[in-house]
Amino acid sequence: MNLGDGRGLYTREPCPCEAVERERAAQRRRLETTQTLIRNTSAMKPELLGRRLEQYTERDSSTREAKETSMEFVEAFPDCGWLVFSGRVGCGKTHLAAGIANVLMDKLYWVRFVSLPVLFATVKASWSVDGPSDPIPTLLQSDLIVLDELGMDDMSDIDRRELYRLVNERYLQNRPVVVTTSKRTPDVLQERIGDATTDRILERATWCDIAVGSYRREQFERRQKG
């Protein structure tokens, strides 16, 4: 406390702890702003932003191994290699990929969830004079990209070339990639995306094949019996 200013007035000096708390509050606001920006630019659908690895239901040894591998991946990131999750529709491939993405975004890594049909359409549109910018350079700068449902859609030769461009540059820069695919073996995936792209993925990636059926269908059947 200030003992007086000569006029009989007493003033309270600011406590150092208040300045510390103000700085902490400012840091929290800056953190929240950055996290919001990272999530808003991730191209993840709202329902995926809530997915967490700990929520993933282990149903057999393959789901347990996939979950454990996901946790090891985020612990080692960015020195973590690549990951491929393969399996049937509804087995939880995208849940695991989204869970990885959400953990990393919490840590302020920049993540992009890539819809390949949208990517290919945007690349082709960028070739026109008044089109959007080429999206691939932005994807190359991201700390992690997720190629969701790779091989699901038919691909033209141009599509395969652009996919190779993206995968090859990530490969050369040694930057992580997570892939989900319904193609259960490398040979089947190779038929869809080509030899060179598959070869680079296989060199970098740990392949987790999830050997269960659809969790949604399983829950539906339980409700029907219920």
Protein backbone atom coordinates (compact mmCIF):
# COMPACT_ATOMS: atom_id res chain seq x y z
CA MET A 1 0.00 0.00 0.00
CA ASN A 2 1.17 3.51 -0.78
CA LEU A 3 1.34 5.43 2.54
CA GLY A 4 0.15 8.71 1.08
CA ASP A 5 0.70 11.35 -1.52
CA GLY A 6 0.96 14.32 0.84
CA ARG A 7 -2.77 15.10 0.66
CA GLY A 8 -3.90 12.36 2.98
CA LEU A 9 -4.82 10.05 0.09
CA TYR A 10 -3.84 6.43 0.09
CA THR A 11 -3.56 4.36 -3.09
CA ARG A 12 -3.23 0.64 -3.62
CA GLU A 13 -0.23 -0.48 -5.66
CA PRO A 14 -0.94 -3.24 -8.19
CA CYS A 15 -0.06 -6.70 -6.91
CA PRO A 16 2.54 -8.48 -9.10
CA CYS A 17 0.33 -11.59 -9.05
CA GLU A 18 -2.40 -9.65 -10.87
CA ALA A 19 -0.02 -8.85 -13.74
CA VAL A 20 0.95 -12.50 -13.93
CA GLU A 21 -2.70 -13.57 -14.08
CA ARG A 22 -3.45 -11.04 -16.80
CA GLU A 23 -0.58 -12.39 -18.88
CA ARG A 24 -1.78 -15.94 -18.35
CA ALA A 25 -5.28 -14.96 -19.45
CA ALA A 26 -3.84 -13.31 -22.56
CA GLN A 27 -1.83 -16.44 -23.34
CA ARG A 28 -4.95 -18.59 -22.98
CA ARG A 29 -6.83 -16.33 -25.38
CA ARG A 30 -3.98 -16.50 -27.92
CA LEU A 31 -3.90 -20.30 -27.59
CA GLU A 32 -7.66 -20.59 -28.10
CA THR A 33 -7.50 -18.29 -31.13
CA THR A 34 -4.74 -20.37 -32.71
CA GLN A 35 -6.51 -23.66 -32.00
CA THR A 36 -9.71 -22.31 -33.53
CA LEU A 37 -7.83 -21.24 -36.66
CA ILE A 38 -6.13 -24.62 -36.95
CA ARG A 39 -9.46 -26.46 -36.65
CA ASN A 40 -11.25 -24.13 -39.05
CA THR A 41 -8.61 -24.74 -41.75
CA SER A 42 -8.38 -28.52 -41.21
CA ALA A 43 -11.26 -29.27 -43.62
CA MET A 44 -12.59 -31.77 -41.06
CA LYS A 45 -16.34 -32.20 -40.84
CA PRO A 46 -17.88 -31.05 -37.53
CA GLU A 47 -18.69 -34.59 -36.38
CA LEU A 48 -15.03 -35.58 -36.77
CA LEU A 49 -13.75 -32.70 -34.65
CA GLY A 50 -15.20 -34.43 -31.59
CA ARG A 51 -13.60 -37.83 -32.19
CA ARG A 52 -11.01 -38.95 -29.65
CA LEU A 53 -8.71 -41.94 -29.59
CA GLU A 54 -9.83 -42.92 -26.10
CA GLN A 55 -13.42 -43.17 -27.39
CA TYR A 56 -12.51 -45.80 -29.98
CA THR A 57 -14.06 -49.15 -29.03
CA GLU A 58 -11.71 -52.11 -29.04
CA ARG A 59 -13.58 -55.11 -30.43
CA ASP A 60 -10.76 -57.56 -31.15
CA SER A 61 -6.98 -57.77 -31.38
CA SER A 62 -6.86 -55.81 -34.66
CA THR A 63 -8.82 -52.86 -33.25
CA ARG A 64 -6.71 -52.92 -30.09
CA GLU A 65 -3.50 -52.91 -32.14
CA ALA A 66 -4.78 -50.08 -34.37
CA LYS A 67 -5.66 -47.96 -31.33
CA GLU A 68 -2.30 -48.61 -29.67
CA THR A 69 -0.46 -47.80 -32.90
CA SER A 70 -2.41 -44.52 -33.16
CA MET A 71 -1.36 -43.50 -29.65
CA GLU A 72 2.26 -44.37 -30.39
CA PHE A 73 2.04 -42.28 -33.57
CA VAL A 74 0.95 -39.12 -31.75
CA GLU A 75 3.53 -39.66 -29.01
CA ALA A 76 6.35 -39.90 -31.57
CA PHE A 77 5.06 -37.13 -33.86
CA PRO A 78 6.56 -35.72 -36.04
CA ASP A 79 9.20 -38.49 -36.09
CA CYS A 80 6.51 -41.10 -36.51
CA GLY A 81 6.54 -42.39 -40.07
CA TRP A 82 3.24 -42.86 -41.92
CA LEU A 83 0.13 -44.86 -41.04
CA VAL A 84 -2.38 -46.80 -43.14
CA PHE A 85 -5.68 -47.97 -41.68
CA SER A 86 -7.47 -50.47 -43.90
CA GLY A 87 -10.75 -52.22 -43.34
CA ARG A 88 -14.40 -52.48 -44.25
CA VAL A 89 -16.87 -49.61 -44.06
CA GLY A 90 -17.72 -48.78 -40.45
CA CYS A 91 -14.70 -50.45 -38.82
CA GLY A 92 -13.45 -47.14 -37.39
CA LYS A 93 -10.67 -46.16 -39.79
CA THR A 94 -11.75 -42.53 -40.02
CA HIS A 95 -12.42 -42.36 -36.26
CA LEU A 96 -8.79 -43.26 -35.58
CA ALA A 97 -7.49 -40.83 -38.20
CA ALA A 98 -9.66 -38.04 -36.78
CA GLY A 99 -8.59 -38.93 -33.24
CA ILE A 100 -4.94 -38.56 -34.25
CA ALA A 101 -5.71 -35.25 -35.98
CA ASN A 102 -7.52 -33.85 -32.95
CA VAL A 103 -4.70 -34.69 -30.54
CA LEU A 104 -2.18 -33.02 -32.82
CA MET A 105 -4.34 -29.94 -33.36
CA ASP A 106 -4.61 -29.59 -29.58
CA LYS A 107 -0.79 -29.43 -29.65
CA LEU A 108 -0.97 -26.69 -32.31
CA TYR A 109 0.12 -28.79 -35.27
CA TRP A 110 -1.44 -27.88 -38.61
CA VAL A 111 -3.49 -30.77 -39.99
CA ARG A 112 -5.43 -31.13 -43.24
CA PHE A 113 -8.09 -33.77 -43.89
CA VAL A 114 -8.03 -34.38 -47.63
CA SER A 115 -11.10 -35.35 -49.63
CA LEU A 116 -9.53 -36.61 -52.83
CA PRO A 117 -12.47 -35.84 -55.17
CA VAL A 118 -12.47 -32.24 -53.88
CA LEU A 119 -8.68 -32.05 -54.20
CA PHE A 120 -8.66 -33.26 -57.80
CA ALA A 121 -11.51 -30.92 -58.78
CA THR A 122 -9.72 -27.95 -57.21
CA VAL A 123 -6.42 -28.81 -58.90
CA LYS A 124 -8.14 -28.95 -62.29
CA ALA A 125 -9.99 -25.68 -61.63
CA SER A 126 -6.66 -24.02 -60.78
CA TRP A 127 -5.50 -24.52 -64.34
CA SER A 128 -7.89 -21.83 -65.60
CA VAL A 129 -6.82 -18.19 -65.59
CA ASP A 130 -9.40 -17.09 -63.03
CA GLY A 131 -9.45 -20.35 -61.06
CA PRO A 132 -8.43 -20.98 -57.44
CA SER A 133 -4.82 -21.44 -56.47
CA ASP A 134 -3.25 -24.89 -56.64
CA PRO A 135 -4.09 -26.56 -53.28
CA ILE A 136 -1.16 -28.97 -53.21
CA PRO A 137 1.52 -26.48 -52.02
CA THR A 138 -0.62 -25.74 -48.97
CA LEU A 139 -0.93 -29.45 -48.24
CA LEU A 140 2.83 -29.81 -48.48
CA GLN A 141 3.25 -27.20 -45.73
CA SER A 142 0.86 -28.92 -43.31
CA ASP A 143 2.39 -30.85 -40.42
CA LEU A 144 0.09 -33.79 -41.17
CA ILE A 145 -2.27 -34.68 -43.98
CA VAL A 146 -4.94 -37.38 -43.81
CA LEU A 147 -5.92 -39.04 -47.09
CA ASP A 148 -9.36 -40.37 -46.22
CA GLU A 149 -10.83 -43.32 -48.14
CA LEU A 150 -7.95 -43.58 -50.57
CA GLY A 151 -8.88 -45.73 -53.54
CA MET A 152 -12.62 -45.57 -52.98
CA ASP A 153 -13.41 -43.43 -56.02
CA ASP A 154 -12.48 -44.05 -59.63
CA MET A 155 -9.39 -42.10 -60.66
CA SER A 156 -8.34 -40.82 -64.04
CA ASP A 157 -4.73 -40.78 -65.18
CA ILE A 158 -4.64 -37.07 -64.31
CA ASP A 159 -5.96 -37.83 -60.81
CA ARG A 160 -3.28 -40.47 -60.29
CA ARG A 161 -0.61 -38.06 -61.46
CA GLU A 162 -1.72 -35.36 -59.01
CA LEU A 163 -1.98 -37.87 -56.16
CA TYR A 164 1.55 -39.02 -56.93
CA ARG A 165 2.72 -35.40 -56.93
CA LEU A 166 1.31 -34.89 -53.43
CA VAL A 167 2.50 -38.22 -51.98
CA ASN A 168 5.93 -37.99 -53.57
CA GLU A 169 6.57 -34.47 -52.24
CA ARG A 170 5.49 -35.50 -48.73
CA TYR A 171 7.79 -38.51 -49.12
CA LEU A 172 10.76 -36.41 -50.21
CA GLN A 173 10.20 -33.93 -47.37
CA ASN A 174 9.75 -36.81 -44.89
CA ARG A 175 6.50 -35.31 -43.60
CA PRO A 176 3.84 -37.56 -42.02
CA VAL A 177 0.78 -38.91 -43.81
CA VAL A 178 -2.16 -40.93 -42.49
CA VAL A 179 -4.19 -42.97 -44.98
CA THR A 180 -7.55 -44.69 -44.59
CA THR A 181 -8.68 -47.16 -47.23
CA SER A 182 -11.17 -49.94 -47.76
CA LYS A 183 -8.58 -51.75 -49.90
CA ARG A 184 -7.41 -54.46 -47.55
CA THR A 185 -4.07 -55.30 -49.18
CA PRO A 186 -1.33 -53.28 -50.88
CA ASP A 187 -1.92 -55.09 -54.18
CA VAL A 188 -5.58 -54.10 -54.30
CA LEU A 189 -4.75 -50.49 -53.40
CA GLN A 190 -2.04 -50.46 -56.06
CA GLU A 191 -4.57 -51.34 -58.74
CA ARG A 192 -6.44 -48.15 -57.85
CA ILE A 193 -3.70 -45.58 -57.29
CA GLY A 194 -0.73 -46.88 -59.26
CA ASP A 195 2.61 -48.52 -58.58
CA ALA A 196 4.78 -45.51 -57.74
CA THR A 197 2.38 -43.94 -55.24
CA THR A 198 1.76 -47.28 -53.50
CA ASP A 199 5.49 -47.97 -53.35
CA ARG A 200 6.21 -44.71 -51.51
CA ILE A 201 3.38 -45.29 -49.06
CA LEU A 202 4.59 -48.80 -48.27
CA GLU A 203 8.15 -47.67 -47.64
CA ARG A 204 7.08 -45.12 -45.03
CA ALA A 205 3.94 -46.62 -43.51
CA THR A 206 2.87 -49.00 -40.78
CA TRP A 207 -0.15 -50.87 -42.19
CA CYS A 208 -2.97 -51.61 -39.73
CA ASP A 209 -5.69 -53.83 -41.14
CA ILE A 210 -8.82 -53.67 -38.99
CA ALA A 211 -10.55 -57.04 -39.26
CA VAL A 212 -14.01 -56.20 -37.93
CA GLY A 213 -17.27 -55.24 -39.59
CA SER A 214 -19.34 -52.10 -39.29
CA TYR A 215 -19.73 -50.76 -35.76
CA ARG A 216 -22.85 -48.87 -36.89
CA ARG A 217 -24.47 -52.07 -38.16
CA GLU A 218 -23.51 -53.88 -34.97
CA GLN A 219 -25.18 -51.17 -32.88
CA PHE A 220 -28.24 -51.23 -35.13
CA GLU A 221 -28.64 -54.98 -34.75
CA ARG A 222 -28.34 -54.68 -30.98
CA ARG A 223 -31.10 -52.08 -30.94
CA GLN A 224 -33.31 -54.29 -33.10
CA LYS A 225 -32.88 -57.18 -30.68
CA GLY A 226 -33.23 -54.86 -27.73
